[in-house]
Amino acid sequence: MSNTPARSRLVTILSAVVALAFVGAAIPKLMGAEHMVSTFERFGLSLNFLRFIGVAELAGAVGLFLPRLAPLAAGGLAVVVAGAVAEHLMHDPVAQAVAPAVLLVLCVFLAYSRGHEMETR
């Protein structure tokens, strides 16, 4: 896929959307929101892991806008959200895994696209 201006704009817009989604997911984790605490406890995960995931999500969201780190940030976020998909599939109705699965696809696309941009520079 060529690196056209339209594709570059699409990748930038998707990066912003994904970053906002992860910031929105990270804040309740970092603040110890009751619904996040109870979800992680129900999944058998520790509160330290809850905080770690919150920090990883926030760092990844910032990293999406740093050109040299963007492919790694998107790849790291893909790993985080793949874990979320797996946990939801194991503990919740399948419908709960749909939103994280969509984010997973977007993160993989961004990792590929941002990596490809670096190769063509």
Protein backbone atom coordinates (compact mmCIF):
# COMPACT_ATOMS: atom_id res chain seq x y z
CA MET A 1 0.00 0.00 0.00
CA SER A 2 1.49 3.33 -1.03
CA ASN A 3 2.00 6.19 1.38
CA THR A 4 -0.41 8.72 -0.17
CA PRO A 5 -1.53 11.94 1.55
CA ALA A 6 -5.04 10.48 1.96
CA ARG A 7 -3.67 7.33 3.59
CA SER A 8 -1.44 9.41 5.83
CA ARG A 9 -4.46 11.44 6.97
CA LEU A 10 -6.44 8.24 7.60
CA VAL A 11 -3.62 6.84 9.74
CA THR A 12 -3.39 10.11 11.69
CA ILE A 13 -7.15 10.17 12.32
CA LEU A 14 -7.20 6.51 13.35
CA SER A 15 -4.24 7.16 15.66
CA ALA A 16 -6.19 9.94 17.35
CA VAL A 17 -9.31 7.79 17.72
CA VAL A 18 -7.33 4.85 19.12
CA ALA A 19 -5.36 7.14 21.45
CA LEU A 20 -8.57 8.67 22.80
CA ALA A 21 -10.03 5.21 23.36
CA PHE A 22 -6.97 4.11 25.32
CA VAL A 23 -6.78 7.32 27.36
CA GLY A 24 -10.45 6.81 28.17
CA ALA A 25 -9.70 3.24 29.23
CA ALA A 26 -6.56 4.14 31.19
CA ILE A 27 -7.96 6.90 33.39
CA PRO A 28 -10.48 4.75 35.31
CA LYS A 29 -7.80 2.10 35.83
CA LEU A 30 -5.30 4.62 37.18
CA MET A 31 -7.94 6.20 39.41
CA GLY A 32 -9.00 2.81 40.77
CA ALA A 33 -12.60 3.17 39.61
CA GLU A 34 -14.81 0.60 41.32
CA HIS A 35 -16.06 -0.93 38.07
CA MET A 36 -12.48 -1.50 36.91
CA VAL A 37 -11.39 -2.91 40.26
CA SER A 38 -14.34 -5.32 40.35
CA THR A 39 -13.74 -6.40 36.74
CA PHE A 40 -10.07 -7.16 37.36
CA GLU A 41 -10.93 -8.99 40.59
CA ARG A 42 -13.57 -11.02 38.74
CA PHE A 43 -10.93 -11.92 36.15
CA GLY A 44 -8.56 -12.98 38.96
CA LEU A 45 -6.11 -10.16 38.24
CA SER A 46 -4.35 -8.05 40.85
CA LEU A 47 -4.75 -4.34 41.51
CA ASN A 48 -1.08 -3.88 40.64
CA PHE A 49 -1.80 -5.40 37.24
CA LEU A 50 -4.75 -3.01 36.88
CA ARG A 51 -2.40 -0.07 37.45
CA PHE A 52 0.23 -1.55 35.11
CA ILE A 53 -2.33 -1.88 32.31
CA GLY A 54 -3.49 1.70 32.92
CA VAL A 55 0.08 2.99 32.63
CA ALA A 56 0.70 0.86 29.52
CA GLU A 57 -2.47 2.16 27.88
CA LEU A 58 -1.60 5.77 28.65
CA ALA A 59 2.01 5.39 27.49
CA GLY A 60 0.87 3.65 24.32
CA ALA A 61 -1.63 6.39 23.56
CA VAL A 62 1.11 9.02 23.84
CA GLY A 63 3.51 6.85 21.84
CA LEU A 64 1.12 6.75 18.89
CA PHE A 65 2.06 10.38 18.20
CA LEU A 66 5.84 9.96 18.47
CA PRO A 67 6.98 8.97 14.97
CA ARG A 68 9.87 6.71 15.99
CA LEU A 69 7.82 5.00 18.71
CA ALA A 70 4.45 4.81 16.96
CA PRO A 71 4.90 1.30 15.48
CA LEU A 72 6.06 -0.06 18.85
CA ALA A 73 3.32 1.78 20.72
CA ALA A 74 0.64 0.39 18.41
CA GLY A 75 2.14 -3.10 18.72
CA GLY A 76 2.26 -2.83 22.50
CA LEU A 77 -1.33 -1.65 22.62
CA ALA A 78 -2.27 -4.60 20.39
CA VAL A 79 -0.77 -6.97 22.96
CA VAL A 80 -2.64 -5.25 25.80
CA VAL A 81 -5.96 -5.34 23.99
CA ALA A 82 -5.42 -8.95 22.85
CA GLY A 83 -5.25 -9.80 26.54
CA ALA A 84 -8.50 -7.90 27.10
CA VAL A 85 -10.17 -9.84 24.28
CA ALA A 86 -9.00 -13.13 25.80
CA GLU A 87 -10.19 -12.21 29.30
CA HIS A 88 -13.59 -11.12 28.03
CA LEU A 89 -13.99 -14.31 26.00
CA MET A 90 -13.15 -16.40 29.07
CA HIS A 91 -15.33 -14.54 31.59
CA ASP A 92 -18.06 -12.62 29.75
CA PRO A 93 -20.57 -13.02 26.93
CA VAL A 94 -18.89 -12.87 23.51
CA ALA A 95 -20.43 -9.46 22.83
CA GLN A 96 -18.16 -7.96 25.53
CA ALA A 97 -15.13 -8.87 23.40
CA VAL A 98 -16.29 -7.03 20.27
CA ALA A 99 -15.06 -3.52 21.15
CA PRO A 100 -11.62 -4.74 22.27
CA ALA A 101 -11.41 -6.89 19.13
CA VAL A 102 -12.08 -3.84 16.95
CA LEU A 103 -9.36 -1.94 18.83
CA LEU A 104 -7.04 -4.90 18.30
CA VAL A 105 -7.56 -4.76 14.52
CA LEU A 106 -6.99 -0.99 14.53
CA CYS A 107 -3.79 -1.34 16.58
CA VAL A 108 -2.41 -4.00 14.24
CA PHE A 109 -3.26 -1.79 11.25
CA LEU A 110 -1.54 1.19 12.90
CA ALA A 111 1.54 -0.85 13.82
CA TYR A 112 1.86 -1.97 10.20
CA SER A 113 1.10 1.46 8.75
CA ARG A 114 3.42 3.40 11.05
CA GLY A 115 6.18 0.84 10.49
CA HIS A 116 5.69 1.11 6.73
CA GLU A 117 5.87 4.92 6.96
CA MET A 118 9.24 4.66 8.71
CA GLU A 119 10.57 2.32 6.01
CA THR A 120 9.58 4.69 3.21
CA ARG A 121 11.22 7.77 4.76
